[in-house]
PDB file of N, CA and C in Angstrom:
ATOM      1  N   MET A   1      83.425 109.156 139.365  1.00  0.00           N
ATOM      2  CA  MET A   1      84.262 108.035 139.134  1.00  0.00           C
ATOM      3  C   MET A   1      83.482 106.780 139.332  1.00  0.00           C
ATOM      4  N   THR A   2      83.658 105.842 138.440  1.00  0.00           N
ATOM      5  CA  THR A   2      82.871 104.575 138.555  1.00  0.00           C
ATOM      6  C   THR A   2      83.899 103.500 139.097  1.00  0.00           C
ATOM      7  N   MET A   3      83.300 102.590 139.772  1.00  0.00           N
ATOM      8  CA  MET A   3      84.130 101.439 140.301  1.00  0.00           C
ATOM      9  C   MET A   3      84.246 100.419 139.243  1.00  0.00           C
ATOM     10  N   ASN A   4      85.495 100.357 138.715  1.00  0.00           N
ATOM     11  CA  ASN A   4      85.732  99.362 137.650  1.00  0.00           C
ATOM     12  C   ASN A   4      86.269  98.044 138.216  1.00  0.00           C
ATOM     13  N   LYS A   5      86.578  97.096 137.288  1.00  0.00           N
ATOM     14  CA  LYS A   5      86.976  95.747 137.738  1.00  0.00           C
ATOM     15  C   LYS A   5      88.307  95.859 138.480  1.00  0.00           C
ATOM     16  N   LYS A   6      89.218  96.708 138.142  1.00  0.00           N
ATOM     17  CA  LYS A   6      90.526  96.837 138.782  1.00  0.00           C
ATOM     18  C   LYS A   6      90.310  97.288 140.247  1.00  0.00           C
ATOM     19  N   ILE A   7      89.472  98.239 140.461  1.00  0.00           N
ATOM     20  CA  ILE A   7      89.258  98.766 141.877  1.00  0.00           C
ATOM     21  C   ILE A   7      88.595  97.610 142.623  1.00  0.00           C
ATOM     22  N   LYS A   8      87.649  96.916 142.151  1.00  0.00           N
ATOM     23  CA  LYS A   8      87.014  95.810 142.856  1.00  0.00           C
ATOM     24  C   LYS A   8      88.027  94.793 143.217  1.00  0.00           C
ATOM     25  N   GLU A   9      88.941  94.388 142.279  1.00  0.00           N
ATOM     26  CA  GLU A   9      89.987  93.454 142.604  1.00  0.00           C
ATOM     27  C   GLU A   9      90.866  93.974 143.680  1.00  0.00           C
ATOM     28  N   GLN A  10      91.167  95.281 143.661  1.00  0.00           N
ATOM     29  CA  GLN A  10      92.054  95.787 144.713  1.00  0.00           C
ATOM     30  C   GLN A  10      91.364  95.811 146.035  1.00  0.00           C
ATOM     31  N   ILE A  11      90.083  96.105 146.135  1.00  0.00           N
ATOM     32  CA  ILE A  11      89.366  95.982 147.375  1.00  0.00           C
ATOM     33  C   ILE A  11      89.447  94.545 147.942  1.00  0.00           C
ATOM     34  N   LEU A  12      89.214  93.625 147.086  1.00  0.00           N
ATOM     35  CA  LEU A  12      89.253  92.215 147.549  1.00  0.00           C
ATOM     36  C   LEU A  12      90.621  91.786 147.906  1.00  0.00           C
ATOM     37  N   ALA A  13      91.644  92.272 147.273  1.00  0.00           N
ATOM     38  CA  ALA A  13      92.991  91.984 147.662  1.00  0.00           C
ATOM     39  C   ALA A  13      93.319  92.516 148.996  1.00  0.00           C
ATOM     40  N   VAL A  14      92.895  93.801 149.334  1.00  0.00           N
ATOM     41  CA  VAL A  14      93.130  94.326 150.616  1.00  0.00           C
ATOM     42  C   VAL A  14      92.375  93.534 151.685  1.00  0.00           C
ATOM     43  N   ARG A  15      91.117  93.172 151.382  1.00  0.00           N
ATOM     44  CA  ARG A  15      90.292  92.411 152.303  1.00  0.00           C
ATOM     45  C   ARG A  15      91.001  91.032 152.612  1.00  0.00           C
ATOM     46  N   ASP A  16      91.560  90.427 151.574  1.00  0.00           N
ATOM     47  CA  ASP A  16      92.159  89.115 151.722  1.00  0.00           C
ATOM     48  C   ASP A  16      93.425  89.144 152.622  1.00  0.00           C
ATOM     49  N   THR A  17      93.967  90.268 152.765  1.00  0.00           N
ATOM     50  CA  THR A  17      95.192  90.354 153.699  1.00  0.00           C
ATOM     51  C   THR A  17      94.793  90.129 155.137  1.00  0.00           C
ATOM     52  N   GLY A  18      93.471  90.474 155.428  1.00  0.00           N
ATOM     53  CA  GLY A  18      93.056  90.359 156.829  1.00  0.00           C
ATOM     54  C   GLY A  18      93.710  91.247 157.833  1.00  0.00           C
ATOM     55  N   LEU A  19      94.311  92.276 157.360  1.00  0.00           N
ATOM     56  CA  LEU A  19      95.010  93.261 158.158  1.00  0.00           C
ATOM     57  C   LEU A  19      94.147  94.311 158.824  1.00  0.00           C
ATOM     58  N   THR A  20      92.898  94.512 158.342  1.00  0.00           N
ATOM     59  CA  THR A  20      92.082  95.587 158.943  1.00  0.00           C
ATOM     60  C   THR A  20      90.614  95.237 158.704  1.00  0.00           C
ATOM     61  N   ASN A  21      89.809  95.821 159.509  1.00  0.00           N
ATOM     62  CA  ASN A  21      88.378  95.945 159.232  1.00  0.00           C
ATOM     63  C   ASN A  21      88.171  96.826 157.990  1.00  0.00           C
ATOM     64  N   MET A  22      87.391  96.341 157.011  1.00  0.00           N
ATOM     65  CA  MET A  22      87.238  97.114 155.777  1.00  0.00           C
ATOM     66  C   MET A  22      86.479  98.403 155.955  1.00  0.00           C
ATOM     67  N   PHE A  23      85.829  98.634 157.134  1.00  0.00           N
ATOM     68  CA  PHE A  23      85.173  99.891 157.429  1.00  0.00           C
ATOM     69  C   PHE A  23      86.144 100.889 158.011  1.00  0.00           C
ATOM     70  N   ASP A  24      87.326 100.501 158.358  1.00  0.00           N
ATOM     71  CA  ASP A  24      88.361 101.397 158.780  1.00  0.00           C
ATOM     72  C   ASP A  24      89.046 101.992 157.534  1.00  0.00           C
ATOM     73  N   ILE A  25      88.418 103.008 157.026  1.00  0.00           N
ATOM     74  CA  ILE A  25      88.755 103.498 155.733  1.00  0.00           C
ATOM     75  C   ILE A  25      90.172 104.002 155.670  1.00  0.00           C
ATOM     76  N   HIS A  26      90.638 104.634 156.660  1.00  0.00           N
ATOM     77  CA  HIS A  26      92.071 105.108 156.682  1.00  0.00           C
ATOM     78  C   HIS A  26      93.035 104.046 156.620  1.00  0.00           C
ATOM     79  N   ALA A  27      92.752 102.925 157.338  1.00  0.00           N
ATOM     80  CA  ALA A  27      93.695 101.790 157.279  1.00  0.00           C
ATOM     81  C   ALA A  27      93.569 101.150 155.921  1.00  0.00           C
ATOM     82  N   VAL A  28      92.453 101.032 155.369  1.00  0.00           N
ATOM     83  CA  VAL A  28      92.295 100.371 154.037  1.00  0.00           C
ATOM     84  C   VAL A  28      93.181 101.253 153.028  1.00  0.00           C
ATOM     85  N   GLN A  29      92.997 102.564 153.139  1.00  0.00           N
ATOM     86  CA  GLN A  29      93.744 103.459 152.221  1.00  0.00           C
ATOM     87  C   GLN A  29      95.320 103.242 152.435  1.00  0.00           C
ATOM     88  N   ARG A  30      95.747 103.123 153.633  1.00  0.00           N
ATOM     89  CA  ARG A  30      97.124 102.975 153.966  1.00  0.00           C
ATOM     90  C   ARG A  30      97.633 101.582 153.386  1.00  0.00           C
ATOM     91  N   ILE A  31      96.872 100.537 153.578  1.00  0.00           N
ATOM     92  CA  ILE A  31      97.235  99.270 153.103  1.00  0.00           C
ATOM     93  C   ILE A  31      97.276  99.276 151.586  1.00  0.00           C
ATOM     94  N   ALA A  32      96.271  99.890 151.001  1.00  0.00           N
ATOM     95  CA  ALA A  32      96.158  99.969 149.531  1.00  0.00           C
ATOM     96  C   ALA A  32      97.386 100.728 148.966  1.00  0.00           C
ATOM     97  N   TYR A  33      97.769 101.800 149.655  1.00  0.00           N
ATOM     98  CA  TYR A  33      98.918 102.580 149.198  1.00  0.00           C
ATOM     99  C   TYR A  33     100.233 101.680 149.318  1.00  0.00           C
ATOM    100  N   GLU A  34     100.344 101.021 150.397  1.00  0.00           N
ATOM    101  CA  GLU A  34     101.484 100.106 150.538  1.00  0.00           C
ATOM    102  C   GLU A  34     101.531  98.962 149.487  1.00  0.00           C
ATOM    103  N   MET A  35     100.418  98.646 148.973  1.00  0.00           N
ATOM    104  CA  MET A  35     100.347  97.583 147.965  1.00  0.00           C
ATOM    105  C   MET A  35     100.379  98.157 146.587  1.00  0.00           C
ATOM    106  N   ASP A  36     100.611  99.474 146.450  1.00  0.00           N
ATOM    107  CA  ASP A  36     100.656 100.149 145.184  1.00  0.00           C
ATOM    108  C   ASP A  36      99.281 100.165 144.494  1.00  0.00           C
ATOM    109  N   PHE A  37      98.187 100.178 145.220  1.00  0.00           N
ATOM    110  CA  PHE A  37      96.844 100.240 144.695  1.00  0.00           C
ATOM    111  C   PHE A  37      96.357 101.666 144.736  1.00  0.00           C
ATOM    112  N   TYR A  38      96.978 102.519 143.958  1.00  0.00           N
ATOM    113  CA  TYR A  38      96.713 103.955 143.946  1.00  0.00           C
ATOM    114  C   TYR A  38      95.280 104.285 143.462  1.00  0.00           C
ATOM    115  N   GLU A  39      94.801 103.410 142.550  1.00  0.00           N
ATOM    116  CA  GLU A  39      93.439 103.659 142.090  1.00  0.00           C
ATOM    117  C   GLU A  39      92.414 103.532 143.127  1.00  0.00           C
ATOM    118  N   LEU A  40      92.612 102.537 144.089  1.00  0.00           N
ATOM    119  CA  LEU A  40      91.734 102.343 145.170  1.00  0.00           C
ATOM    120  C   LEU A  40      91.908 103.466 146.173  1.00  0.00           C
ATOM    121  N   VAL A  41      93.092 103.899 146.474  1.00  0.00           N
ATOM    122  CA  VAL A  41      93.314 105.057 147.340  1.00  0.00           C
ATOM    123  C   VAL A  41      92.457 106.236 146.865  1.00  0.00           C
ATOM    124  N   ASN A  42      92.562 106.541 145.573  1.00  0.00           N
ATOM    125  CA  ASN A  42      91.913 107.709 144.989  1.00  0.00           C
ATOM    126  C   ASN A  42      90.360 107.504 144.953  1.00  0.00           C
ATOM    127  N   PHE A  43      89.995 106.285 144.633  1.00  0.00           N
ATOM    128  CA  PHE A  43      88.562 105.978 144.636  1.00  0.00           C
ATOM    129  C   PHE A  43      87.897 106.174 145.970  1.00  0.00           C
ATOM    130  N   ILE A  44      88.539 105.689 147.047  1.00  0.00           N
ATOM    131  CA  ILE A  44      88.007 105.863 148.391  1.00  0.00           C
ATOM    132  C   ILE A  44      87.882 107.378 148.711  1.00  0.00           C
ATOM    133  N   GLU A  45      88.942 108.086 148.335  1.00  0.00           N
ATOM    134  CA  GLU A  45      88.959 109.566 148.600  1.00  0.00           C
ATOM    135  C   GLU A  45      87.798 110.295 147.904  1.00  0.00           C
ATOM    136  N   ASP A  46      87.604 109.902 146.605  1.00  0.00           N
ATOM    137  CA  ASP A  46      86.543 110.525 145.815  1.00  0.00           C
ATOM    138  C   ASP A  46      85.162 110.016 145.978  1.00  0.00           C
ATOM    139  N   GLU A  47      85.038 108.739 146.235  1.00  0.00           N
ATOM    140  CA  GLU A  47      83.752 108.105 146.271  1.00  0.00           C
ATOM    141  C   GLU A  47      83.507 107.144 147.530  1.00  0.00           C
ATOM    142  N   LYS A  48      83.716 107.797 148.652  1.00  0.00           N
ATOM    143  CA  LYS A  48      83.666 107.038 149.909  1.00  0.00           C
ATOM    144  C   LYS A  48      82.348 106.285 150.064  1.00  0.00           C
ATOM    145  N   GLU A  49      81.258 106.951 149.679  1.00  0.00           N
ATOM    146  CA  GLU A  49      79.902 106.333 149.839  1.00  0.00           C
ATOM    147  C   GLU A  49      79.767 105.103 148.934  1.00  0.00           C
ATOM    148  N   LYS A  50      80.299 105.125 147.712  1.00  0.00           N
ATOM    149  CA  LYS A  50      80.245 104.025 146.823  1.00  0.00           C
ATOM    150  C   LYS A  50      81.040 102.879 147.364  1.00  0.00           C
ATOM    151  N   TYR A  51      82.214 103.206 147.954  1.00  0.00           N
ATOM    152  CA  TYR A  51      83.081 102.207 148.580  1.00  0.00           C
ATOM    153  C   TYR A  51      82.368 101.466 149.736  1.00  0.00           C
ATOM    154  N   VAL A  52      81.722 102.228 150.613  1.00  0.00           N
ATOM    155  CA  VAL A  52      81.007 101.695 151.735  1.00  0.00           C
ATOM    156  C   VAL A  52      79.822 100.817 151.239  1.00  0.00           C
ATOM    157  N   LYS A  53      79.102 101.297 150.233  1.00  0.00           N
ATOM    158  CA  LYS A  53      78.000 100.430 149.735  1.00  0.00           C
ATOM    159  C   LYS A  53      78.496  99.139 149.203  1.00  0.00           C
ATOM    160  N   PHE A  54      79.683  99.084 148.542  1.00  0.00           N
ATOM    161  CA  PHE A  54      80.229  97.909 148.007  1.00  0.00           C
ATOM    162  C   PHE A  54      80.621  96.981 149.113  1.00  0.00           C
ATOM    163  N   ILE A  55      81.201  97.475 150.227  1.00  0.00           N
ATOM    164  CA  ILE A  55      81.587  96.724 151.387  1.00  0.00           C
ATOM    165  C   ILE A  55      80.326  96.067 152.084  1.00  0.00           C
ATOM    166  N   ILE A  56      79.270  96.850 152.112  1.00  0.00           N
ATOM    167  CA  ILE A  56      78.076  96.415 152.788  1.00  0.00           C
ATOM    168  C   ILE A  56      77.287  95.261 152.019  1.00  0.00           C
ATOM    169  N   ASN A  57      77.130  95.550 150.694  1.00  0.00           N
ATOM    170  CA  ASN A  57      76.327  94.623 149.903  1.00  0.00           C
ATOM    171  C   ASN A  57      77.025  93.893 148.812  1.00  0.00           C
ATOM    172  N   GLY A  58      78.317  94.180 148.574  1.00  0.00           N
ATOM    173  CA  GLY A  58      79.037  93.494 147.532  1.00  0.00           C
ATOM    174  C   GLY A  58      78.655  93.885 146.122  1.00  0.00           C
ATOM    175  N   GLN A  59      77.928  94.937 146.033  1.00  0.00           N
ATOM    176  CA  GLN A  59      77.574  95.473 144.712  1.00  0.00           C
ATOM    177  C   GLN A  59      77.952  96.914 144.616  1.00  0.00           C
ATOM    178  N   GLU A  60      78.011  97.352 143.356  1.00  0.00           N
ATOM    179  CA  GLU A  60      78.373  98.697 143.118  1.00  0.00           C
ATOM    180  C   GLU A  60      77.349  99.769 143.665  1.00  0.00           C
ATOM    181  N   ASP A  61      76.104  99.451 143.470  1.00  0.00           N
ATOM    182  CA  ASP A  61      75.073 100.446 143.893  1.00  0.00           C
ATOM    183  C   ASP A  61      73.920  99.659 144.561  1.00  0.00           C
TER     184      ASP A  61
END
């Protein structure tokens, strides 16, 4: 699964809530689910390493 524009926007929307540390993956998934960001929930489940790399360096890879 590739990180598309929609998933990036969802990550940034969760970040902008300020509700959790973005490395708290379970909290990010919960917040994303509550915001109806199901693509992000699934992306994190399937591509956790790509998600973490994006959080660390702001780029897909």
